[in-house]
């Protein structure tokens, strides 16, 4: 059985809506979605604070949409996203 790499991907929700912009965590990576989702549950507050800093929204902290994706799912998502908009997700 081939090893699957699961990455944590975040999208800024803030006051402007869904899927603008995106950020992919290369570390940590996960071997399955269950462990990735558990990581989100255990670190949700820290992740939102960290990402708000990345988005430049501090001192306001906005929730980000946190998704666990395999490499193939990410590629499919990017293809779909690229066709819907001229904007690129910044990963």
PDB file of N, CA and C in Angstrom:
ATOM      1  N   UNK A   1       0.829  -1.175   0.000  1.00  0.00           N
ATOM      2  CA  UNK A   1       0.000   0.000   0.000  1.00  0.00           C
ATOM      3  C   UNK A   1       0.882   1.250   0.000  1.00  0.00           C
ATOM      4  N   UNK A   2       0.574   2.202  -0.881  1.00  0.00           N
ATOM      5  CA  UNK A   2       1.356   3.420  -1.000  1.00  0.00           C
ATOM      6  C   UNK A   2       1.075   4.352   0.174  1.00  0.00           C
ATOM      7  N   UNK A   3       2.109   5.034   0.618  1.00  0.00           N
ATOM      8  CA  UNK A   3       1.949   5.984   1.715  1.00  0.00           C
ATOM      9  C   UNK A   3       1.269   7.250   1.207  1.00  0.00           C
ATOM     10  N   UNK A   4       0.313   7.736   1.967  1.00  0.00           N
ATOM     11  CA  UNK A   4      -0.419   8.946   1.611  1.00  0.00           C
ATOM     12  C   UNK A   4       0.079  10.086   2.484  1.00  0.00           C
ATOM     13  N   UNK A   5       0.332  11.216   1.877  1.00  0.00           N
ATOM     14  CA  UNK A   5       0.736  12.407   2.605  1.00  0.00           C
ATOM     15  C   UNK A   5      -0.473  13.320   2.711  1.00  0.00           C
ATOM     16  N   UNK A   6      -0.826  13.705   3.921  1.00  0.00           N
ATOM     17  CA  UNK A   6      -1.948  14.607   4.160  1.00  0.00           C
ATOM     18  C   UNK A   6      -1.379  15.912   4.694  1.00  0.00           C
ATOM     19  N   UNK A   7      -1.796  17.033   4.092  1.00  0.00           N
ATOM     20  CA  UNK A   7      -1.335  18.347   4.505  1.00  0.00           C
ATOM     21  C   UNK A   7      -2.494  19.156   5.054  1.00  0.00           C
ATOM     22  N   UNK A   8      -2.177  20.052   5.958  1.00  0.00           N
ATOM     23  CA  UNK A   8      -3.157  20.962   6.525  1.00  0.00           C
ATOM     24  C   UNK A   8      -3.156  22.229   5.679  1.00  0.00           C
ATOM     25  N   UNK A   9      -4.321  22.579   5.145  1.00  0.00           N
ATOM     26  CA  UNK A   9      -4.473  23.761   4.306  1.00  0.00           C
ATOM     27  C   UNK A   9      -5.447  24.706   5.002  1.00  0.00           C
ATOM     28  N   UNK A  10      -5.129  25.993   4.998  1.00  0.00           N
ATOM     29  CA  UNK A  10      -5.977  26.988   5.652  1.00  0.00           C
ATOM     30  C   UNK A  10      -6.394  28.045   4.640  1.00  0.00           C
ATOM     31  N   UNK A  11      -7.637  28.505   4.773  1.00  0.00           N
ATOM     32  CA  UNK A  11      -8.151  29.587   3.941  1.00  0.00           C
ATOM     33  C   UNK A  11      -8.665  30.692   4.839  1.00  0.00           C
ATOM     34  N   UNK A  12      -8.333  31.921   4.495  1.00  0.00           N
ATOM     35  CA  UNK A  12      -8.740  33.078   5.273  1.00  0.00           C
ATOM     36  C   UNK A  12     -10.227  33.320   5.076  1.00  0.00           C
ATOM     37  N   UNK A  13     -10.959  33.392   6.173  1.00  0.00           N
ATOM     38  CA  UNK A  13     -12.377  33.724   6.103  1.00  0.00           C
ATOM     39  C   UNK A  13     -12.577  35.197   6.420  1.00  0.00           C
ATOM     40  N   UNK A  14     -12.067  35.630   7.564  1.00  0.00           N
ATOM     41  CA  UNK A  14     -12.140  37.032   7.949  1.00  0.00           C
ATOM     42  C   UNK A  14     -13.434  37.696   7.520  1.00  0.00           C
ATOM     43  N   UNK A  15     -13.376  38.978   7.254  1.00  0.00           N
ATOM     44  CA  UNK A  15     -14.594  39.685   6.856  1.00  0.00           C
ATOM     45  C   UNK A  15     -14.882  39.609   5.359  1.00  0.00           C
ATOM     46  N   UNK A  16     -14.029  38.943   4.573  1.00  0.00           N
ATOM     47  CA  UNK A  16     -14.181  39.021   3.115  1.00  0.00           C
ATOM     48  C   UNK A  16     -14.725  37.769   2.460  1.00  0.00           C
ATOM     49  N   UNK A  17     -14.822  36.658   3.152  1.00  0.00           N
ATOM     50  CA  UNK A  17     -15.395  35.475   2.528  1.00  0.00           C
ATOM     51  C   UNK A  17     -14.429  34.313   2.430  1.00  0.00           C
ATOM     52  N   UNK A  18     -14.877  33.271   1.766  1.00  0.00           N
ATOM     53  CA  UNK A  18     -14.207  31.986   1.711  1.00  0.00           C
ATOM     54  C   UNK A  18     -13.126  31.920   0.635  1.00  0.00           C
ATOM     55  N   UNK A  19     -12.072  31.155   0.902  1.00  0.00           N
ATOM     56  CA  UNK A  19     -11.012  30.811  -0.057  1.00  0.00           C
ATOM     57  C   UNK A  19     -10.191  32.004  -0.527  1.00  0.00           C
ATOM     58  N   UNK A  20      -9.908  32.944   0.343  1.00  0.00           N
ATOM     59  CA  UNK A  20      -9.070  34.081   0.010  1.00  0.00           C
ATOM     60  C   UNK A  20      -8.185  34.397   1.174  1.00  0.00           C
ATOM     61  N   UNK A  21      -6.946  34.487   1.134  1.00  0.00           N
ATOM     62  CA  UNK A  21      -6.016  33.646   0.372  1.00  0.00           C
ATOM     63  C   UNK A  21      -5.857  32.296   1.047  1.00  0.00           C
ATOM     64  N   UNK A  22      -4.950  31.483   0.550  1.00  0.00           N
ATOM     65  CA  UNK A  22      -4.715  30.163   1.125  1.00  0.00           C
ATOM     66  C   UNK A  22      -3.307  30.031   1.677  1.00  0.00           C
ATOM     67  N   UNK A  23      -3.135  29.103   2.590  1.00  0.00           N
ATOM     68  CA  UNK A  23      -1.821  28.829   3.179  1.00  0.00           C
ATOM     69  C   UNK A  23      -1.730  27.334   3.444  1.00  0.00           C
ATOM     70  N   UNK A  24      -0.630  26.736   3.036  1.00  0.00           N
ATOM     71  CA  UNK A  24      -0.448  25.301   3.255  1.00  0.00           C
ATOM     72  C   UNK A  24       0.678  25.080   4.258  1.00  0.00           C
ATOM     73  N   UNK A  25       0.406  24.256   5.259  1.00  0.00           N
ATOM     74  CA  UNK A  25       1.412  23.857   6.233  1.00  0.00           C
ATOM     75  C   UNK A  25       2.151  22.641   5.683  1.00  0.00           C
ATOM     76  N   UNK A  26       3.445  22.766   5.455  1.00  0.00           N
ATOM     77  CA  UNK A  26       4.249  21.613   5.035  1.00  0.00           C
ATOM     78  C   UNK A  26       4.676  20.799   6.251  1.00  0.00           C
ATOM     79  N   UNK A  27       4.750  21.450   7.398  1.00  0.00           N
ATOM     80  CA  UNK A  27       5.065  20.798   8.668  1.00  0.00           C
ATOM     81  C   UNK A  27       4.050  21.260   9.691  1.00  0.00           C
ATOM     82  N   UNK A  28       3.411  20.441  10.412  1.00  0.00           N
ATOM     83  CA  UNK A  28       3.566  18.991  10.325  1.00  0.00           C
ATOM     84  C   UNK A  28       2.785  18.428   9.146  1.00  0.00           C
ATOM     85  N   UNK A  29       3.182  17.258   8.696  1.00  0.00           N
ATOM     86  CA  UNK A  29       2.413  16.508   7.703  1.00  0.00           C
ATOM     87  C   UNK A  29       1.907  15.254   8.402  1.00  0.00           C
ATOM     88  N   UNK A  30       0.920  14.637   7.797  1.00  0.00           N
ATOM     89  CA  UNK A  30       0.232  13.529   8.457  1.00  0.00           C
ATOM     90  C   UNK A  30       0.112  12.344   7.513  1.00  0.00           C
ATOM     91  N   UNK A  31      -0.034  11.154   8.084  1.00  0.00           N
ATOM     92  CA  UNK A  31      -0.168   9.946   7.272  1.00  0.00           C
ATOM     93  C   UNK A  31      -1.629   9.614   6.971  1.00  0.00           C
ATOM     94  N   UNK A  32      -2.551  10.295   7.681  1.00  0.00           N
ATOM     95  CA  UNK A  32      -3.972  10.075   7.411  1.00  0.00           C
ATOM     96  C   UNK A  32      -4.765  11.305   7.853  1.00  0.00           C
ATOM     97  N   UNK A  33      -5.988  11.420   7.330  1.00  0.00           N
ATOM     98  CA  UNK A  33      -6.817  12.585   7.646  1.00  0.00           C
ATOM     99  C   UNK A  33      -7.264  12.600   9.106  1.00  0.00           C
ATOM    100  N   UNK A  34      -7.440  11.436   9.679  1.00  0.00           N
ATOM    101  CA  UNK A  34      -7.873  11.371  11.078  1.00  0.00           C
ATOM    102  C   UNK A  34      -6.872  12.067  11.994  1.00  0.00           C
ATOM    103  N   UNK A  35      -5.589  11.790  11.822  1.00  0.00           N
ATOM    104  CA  UNK A  35      -4.583  12.423  12.683  1.00  0.00           C
ATOM    105  C   UNK A  35      -4.464  13.919  12.374  1.00  0.00           C
ATOM    106  N   UNK A  36      -4.651  14.301  11.134  1.00  0.00           N
ATOM    107  CA  UNK A  36      -4.638  15.719  10.762  1.00  0.00           C
ATOM    108  C   UNK A  36      -5.812  16.444  11.418  1.00  0.00           C
ATOM    109  N   UNK A  37      -6.999  15.869  11.337  1.00  0.00           N
ATOM    110  CA  UNK A  37      -8.177  16.476  11.959  1.00  0.00           C
ATOM    111  C   UNK A  37      -8.038  16.552  13.475  1.00  0.00           C
ATOM    112  N   UNK A  38      -7.423  15.549  14.079  1.00  0.00           N
ATOM    113  CA  UNK A  38      -7.186  15.572  15.524  1.00  0.00           C
ATOM    114  C   UNK A  38      -6.228  16.707  15.881  1.00  0.00           C
ATOM    115  N   UNK A  39      -5.220  16.920  15.052  1.00  0.00           N
ATOM    116  CA  UNK A  39      -4.277  18.024  15.259  1.00  0.00           C
ATOM    117  C   UNK A  39      -5.015  19.364  15.223  1.00  0.00           C
ATOM    118  N   UNK A  40      -5.936  19.515  14.282  1.00  0.00           N
ATOM    119  CA  UNK A  40      -6.723  20.752  14.198  1.00  0.00           C
ATOM    120  C   UNK A  40      -7.519  20.955  15.481  1.00  0.00           C
ATOM    121  N   UNK A  41      -8.187  19.914  15.957  1.00  0.00           N
ATOM    122  CA  UNK A  41      -8.993  20.012  17.175  1.00  0.00           C
ATOM    123  C   UNK A  41      -8.128  20.438  18.359  1.00  0.00           C
ATOM    124  N   UNK A  42      -6.959  19.831  18.494  1.00  0.00           N
ATOM    125  CA  UNK A  42      -6.094  20.094  19.647  1.00  0.00           C
ATOM    126  C   UNK A  42      -5.379  21.446  19.566  1.00  0.00           C
ATOM    127  N   UNK A  43      -5.229  21.997  18.360  1.00  0.00           N
ATOM    128  CA  UNK A  43      -4.432  23.216  18.184  1.00  0.00           C
ATOM    129  C   UNK A  43      -5.200  24.359  17.526  1.00  0.00           C
ATOM    130  N   UNK A  44      -6.532  24.271  17.522  1.00  0.00           N
ATOM    131  CA  UNK A  44      -7.348  25.242  16.788  1.00  0.00           C
ATOM    132  C   UNK A  44      -7.062  26.690  17.196  1.00  0.00           C
ATOM    133  N   UNK A  45      -7.012  26.977  18.485  1.00  0.00           N
ATOM    134  CA  UNK A  45      -6.797  28.363  18.939  1.00  0.00           C
ATOM    135  C   UNK A  45      -5.447  28.879  18.449  1.00  0.00           C
ATOM    136  N   UNK A  46      -4.401  28.086  18.659  1.00  0.00           N
ATOM    137  CA  UNK A  46      -3.061  28.492  18.221  1.00  0.00           C
ATOM    138  C   UNK A  46      -3.018  28.684  16.709  1.00  0.00           C
ATOM    139  N   UNK A  47      -3.650  27.787  15.954  1.00  0.00           N
ATOM    140  CA  UNK A  47      -3.651  27.896  14.490  1.00  0.00           C
ATOM    141  C   UNK A  47      -4.325  29.187  14.043  1.00  0.00           C
ATOM    142  N   UNK A  48      -5.454  29.549  14.651  1.00  0.00           N
ATOM    143  CA  UNK A  48      -6.146  30.785  14.262  1.00  0.00           C
ATOM    144  C   UNK A  48      -5.307  32.019  14.587  1.00  0.00           C
ATOM    145  N   UNK A  49      -4.632  32.006  15.727  1.00  0.00           N
ATOM    146  CA  UNK A  49      -3.762  33.131  16.082  1.00  0.00           C
ATOM    147  C   UNK A  49      -2.595  33.218  15.103  1.00  0.00           C
ATOM    148  N   UNK A  50      -1.945  32.081  14.841  1.00  0.00           N
ATOM    149  CA  UNK A  50      -0.812  32.059  13.915  1.00  0.00           C
ATOM    150  C   UNK A  50      -1.227  32.558  12.526  1.00  0.00           C
ATOM    151  N   UNK A  51      -2.351  32.053  12.038  1.00  0.00           N
ATOM    152  CA  UNK A  51      -2.805  32.436  10.702  1.00  0.00           C
ATOM    153  C   UNK A  51      -3.256  33.891  10.641  1.00  0.00           C
ATOM    154  N   UNK A  52      -3.858  34.405  11.693  1.00  0.00           N
ATOM    155  CA  UNK A  52      -4.219  35.826  11.711  1.00  0.00           C
ATOM    156  C   UNK A  52      -2.966  36.687  11.595  1.00  0.00           C
ATOM    157  N   UNK A  53      -1.877  36.237  12.213  1.00  0.00           N
ATOM    158  CA  UNK A  53      -0.604  36.930  12.045  1.00  0.00           C
ATOM    159  C   UNK A  53      -0.119  36.866  10.606  1.00  0.00           C
ATOM    160  N   UNK A  54      -0.264  35.702   9.975  1.00  0.00           N
ATOM    161  CA  UNK A  54       0.142  35.541   8.567  1.00  0.00           C
ATOM    162  C   UNK A  54      -0.705  36.420   7.653  1.00  0.00           C
ATOM    163  N   UNK A  55      -2.008  36.509   7.953  1.00  0.00           N
ATOM    164  CA  UNK A  55      -2.914  37.305   7.114  1.00  0.00           C
ATOM    165  C   UNK A  55      -2.762  38.801   7.410  1.00  0.00           C
ATOM    166  N   UNK A  56      -2.048  39.147   8.490  1.00  0.00           N
ATOM    167  CA  UNK A  56      -1.853  40.547   8.850  1.00  0.00           C
ATOM    168  C   UNK A  56      -3.076  41.170   9.516  1.00  0.00           C
ATOM    169  N   UNK A  57      -3.861  40.369  10.241  1.00  0.00           N
ATOM    170  CA  UNK A  57      -5.069  40.885  10.873  1.00  0.00           C
ATOM    171  C   UNK A  57      -4.929  41.090  12.375  1.00  0.00           C
ATOM    172  N   UNK A  58      -3.770  40.746  12.936  1.00  0.00           N
ATOM    173  CA  UNK A  58      -3.595  40.945  14.371  1.00  0.00           C
ATOM    174  C   UNK A  58      -3.649  42.431  14.670  1.00  0.00           C
ATOM    175  N   UNK A  59      -4.238  42.919  15.750  1.00  0.00           N
ATOM    176  CA  UNK A  59      -4.610  42.173  16.937  1.00  0.00           C
ATOM    177  C   UNK A  59      -5.951  41.440  16.826  1.00  0.00           C
ATOM    178  N   UNK A  60      -6.723  41.687  15.758  1.00  0.00           N
ATOM    179  CA  UNK A  60      -7.959  40.920  15.582  1.00  0.00           C
ATOM    180  C   UNK A  60      -7.612  39.519  15.118  1.00  0.00           C
ATOM    181  N   UNK A  61      -8.246  38.529  15.722  1.00  0.00           N
ATOM    182  CA  UNK A  61      -8.013  37.140  15.348  1.00  0.00           C
ATOM    183  C   UNK A  61      -9.255  36.621  14.629  1.00  0.00           C
ATOM    184  N   UNK A  62      -9.068  36.189  13.389  1.00  0.00           N
ATOM    185  CA  UNK A  62     -10.161  35.623  12.602  1.00  0.00           C
ATOM    186  C   UNK A  62      -9.988  34.131  12.489  1.00  0.00           C
ATOM    187  N   UNK A  63     -11.101  33.425  12.461  1.00  0.00           N
ATOM    188  CA  UNK A  63     -11.017  31.988  12.224  1.00  0.00           C
ATOM    189  C   UNK A  63     -10.699  31.751  10.759  1.00  0.00           C
ATOM    190  N   UNK A  64      -9.911  30.751  10.511  1.00  0.00           N
ATOM    191  CA  UNK A  64      -9.600  30.327   9.156  1.00  0.00           C
ATOM    192  C   UNK A  64     -10.276  28.992   8.913  1.00  0.00           C
ATOM    193  N   UNK A  65     -10.559  28.699   7.679  1.00  0.00           N
ATOM    194  CA  UNK A  65     -11.108  27.391   7.327  1.00  0.00           C
ATOM    195  C   UNK A  65      -9.922  26.432   7.236  1.00  0.00           C
ATOM    196  N   UNK A  66      -9.916  25.413   8.077  1.00  0.00           N
ATOM    197  CA  UNK A  66      -8.807  24.462   8.147  1.00  0.00           C
ATOM    198  C   UNK A  66      -9.255  23.139   7.533  1.00  0.00           C
ATOM    199  N   UNK A  67      -8.530  22.669   6.538  1.00  0.00           N
ATOM    200  CA  UNK A  67      -8.907  21.472   5.794  1.00  0.00           C
ATOM    201  C   UNK A  67      -7.697  20.552   5.680  1.00  0.00           C
ATOM    202  N   UNK A  68      -7.918  19.256   5.847  1.00  0.00           N
ATOM    203  CA  UNK A  68      -6.880  18.257   5.638  1.00  0.00           C
ATOM    204  C   UNK A  68      -7.053  17.702   4.229  1.00  0.00           C
ATOM    205  N   UNK A  69      -6.007  17.760   3.421  1.00  0.00           N
ATOM    206  CA  UNK A  69      -6.076  17.322   2.033  1.00  0.00           C
ATOM    207  C   UNK A  69      -4.883  16.452   1.677  1.00  0.00           C
ATOM    208  N   UNK A  70      -5.145  15.463   0.846  1.00  0.00           N
ATOM    209  CA  UNK A  70      -4.036  14.703   0.259  1.00  0.00           C
ATOM    210  C   UNK A  70      -3.463  15.548  -0.878  1.00  0.00           C
ATOM    211  N   UNK A  71      -2.297  15.168  -1.354  1.00  0.00           N
ATOM    212  CA  UNK A  71      -1.696  15.867  -2.474  1.00  0.00           C
ATOM    213  C   UNK A  71      -2.598  15.871  -3.699  1.00  0.00           C
ATOM    214  N   UNK A  72      -3.234  14.736  -3.985  1.00  0.00           N
ATOM    215  CA  UNK A  72      -4.135  14.649  -5.138  1.00  0.00           C
ATOM    216  C   UNK A  72      -5.350  15.550  -4.964  1.00  0.00           C
ATOM    217  N   UNK A  73      -5.915  15.588  -3.760  1.00  0.00           N
ATOM    218  CA  UNK A  73      -7.064  16.459  -3.505  1.00  0.00           C
ATOM    219  C   UNK A  73      -6.679  17.926  -3.669  1.00  0.00           C
ATOM    220  N   UNK A  74      -5.479  18.276  -3.226  1.00  0.00           N
ATOM    221  CA  UNK A  74      -5.008  19.645  -3.363  1.00  0.00           C
ATOM    222  C   UNK A  74      -4.850  20.016  -4.835  1.00  0.00           C
ATOM    223  N   UNK A  75      -4.281  19.113  -5.621  1.00  0.00           N
ATOM    224  CA  UNK A  75      -4.138  19.367  -7.059  1.00  0.00           C
ATOM    225  C   UNK A  75      -5.495  19.556  -7.719  1.00  0.00           C
ATOM    226  N   UNK A  76      -6.460  18.692  -7.389  1.00  0.00           N
ATOM    227  CA  UNK A  76      -7.813  18.809  -7.946  1.00  0.00           C
ATOM    228  C   UNK A  76      -8.457  20.125  -7.526  1.00  0.00           C
ATOM    229  N   UNK A  77      -8.268  20.521  -6.266  1.00  0.00           N
ATOM    230  CA  UNK A  77      -8.824  21.769  -5.768  1.00  0.00           C
ATOM    231  C   UNK A  77      -8.234  22.953  -6.532  1.00  0.00           C
ATOM    232  N   UNK A  78      -6.913  22.935  -6.720  1.00  0.00           N
ATOM    233  CA  UNK A  78      -6.260  24.037  -7.425  1.00  0.00           C
ATOM    234  C   UNK A  78      -6.760  24.133  -8.862  1.00  0.00           C
ATOM    235  N   UNK A  79      -6.935  23.002  -9.529  1.00  0.00           N
ATOM    236  CA  UNK A  79      -7.451  23.021 -10.900  1.00  0.00           C
ATOM    237  C   UNK A  79      -8.824  23.660 -10.934  1.00  0.00           C
ATOM    238  N   UNK A  80      -9.696  23.251 -10.009  1.00  0.00           N
ATOM    239  CA  UNK A  80     -11.051  23.799  -9.937  1.00  0.00           C
ATOM    240  C   UNK A  80     -10.996  25.292  -9.630  1.00  0.00           C
ATOM    241  N   UNK A  81     -10.158  25.679  -8.678  1.00  0.00           N
ATOM    242  CA  UNK A  81     -10.042  27.073  -8.262  1.00  0.00           C
ATOM    243  C   UNK A  81      -9.495  27.927  -9.398  1.00  0.00           C
ATOM    244  N   UNK A  82      -8.482  27.415 -10.114  1.00  0.00           N
ATOM    245  CA  UNK A  82      -7.876  28.158 -11.215  1.00  0.00           C
ATOM    246  C   UNK A  82      -8.885  28.423 -12.327  1.00  0.00           C
ATOM    247  N   UNK A  83      -9.812  27.495 -12.544  1.00  0.00           N
ATOM    248  CA  UNK A  83     -10.828  27.676 -13.589  1.00  0.00           C
ATOM    249  C   UNK A  83     -11.896  28.663 -13.181  1.00  0.00           C
ATOM    250  N   UNK A  84     -12.162  28.811 -11.878  1.00  0.00           N
ATOM    251  CA  UNK A  84     -13.218  29.700 -11.406  1.00  0.00           C
ATOM    252  C   UNK A  84     -12.736  31.147 -11.248  1.00  0.00           C
ATOM    253  N   UNK A  85     -11.449  31.343 -11.134  1.00  0.00           N
ATOM    254  CA  UNK A  85     -10.948  32.684 -10.841  1.00  0.00           C
ATOM    255  C   UNK A  85      -9.551  32.834 -11.436  1.00  0.00           C
ATOM    256  N   UNK A  86      -9.205  34.057 -11.725  1.00  0.00           N
ATOM    257  CA  UNK A  86      -7.855  34.313 -12.215  1.00  0.00           C
ATOM    258  C   UNK A  86      -6.863  34.385 -11.064  1.00  0.00           C
ATOM    259  N   UNK A  87      -7.354  34.441  -9.818  1.00  0.00           N
ATOM    260  CA  UNK A  87      -6.472  34.500  -8.655  1.00  0.00           C
ATOM    261  C   UNK A  87      -5.906  33.121  -8.363  1.00  0.00           C
ATOM    262  N   UNK A  88      -4.695  33.089  -7.888  1.00  0.00           N
ATOM    263  CA  UNK A  88      -4.039  31.835  -7.519  1.00  0.00           C
ATOM    264  C   UNK A  88      -3.995  31.726  -6.004  1.00  0.00           C
ATOM    265  N   UNK A  89      -4.152  30.543  -5.493  1.00  0.00           N
ATOM    266  CA  UNK A  89      -4.014  30.312  -4.061  1.00  0.00           C
ATOM    267  C   UNK A  89      -2.521  30.337  -3.735  1.00  0.00           C
ATOM    268  N   UNK A  90      -2.166  31.088  -2.714  1.00  0.00           N
ATOM    269  CA  UNK A  90      -0.754  31.255  -2.378  1.00  0.00           C
ATOM    270  C   UNK A  90      -0.311  30.192  -1.405  1.00  0.00           C
ATOM    271  N   UNK A  91       0.252  29.109  -1.941  1.00  0.00           N
ATOM    272  CA  UNK A  91       0.685  28.013  -1.082  1.00  0.00           C
ATOM    273  C   UNK A  91       2.182  27.826  -1.210  1.00  0.00           C
TER     274      UNK A  91
END
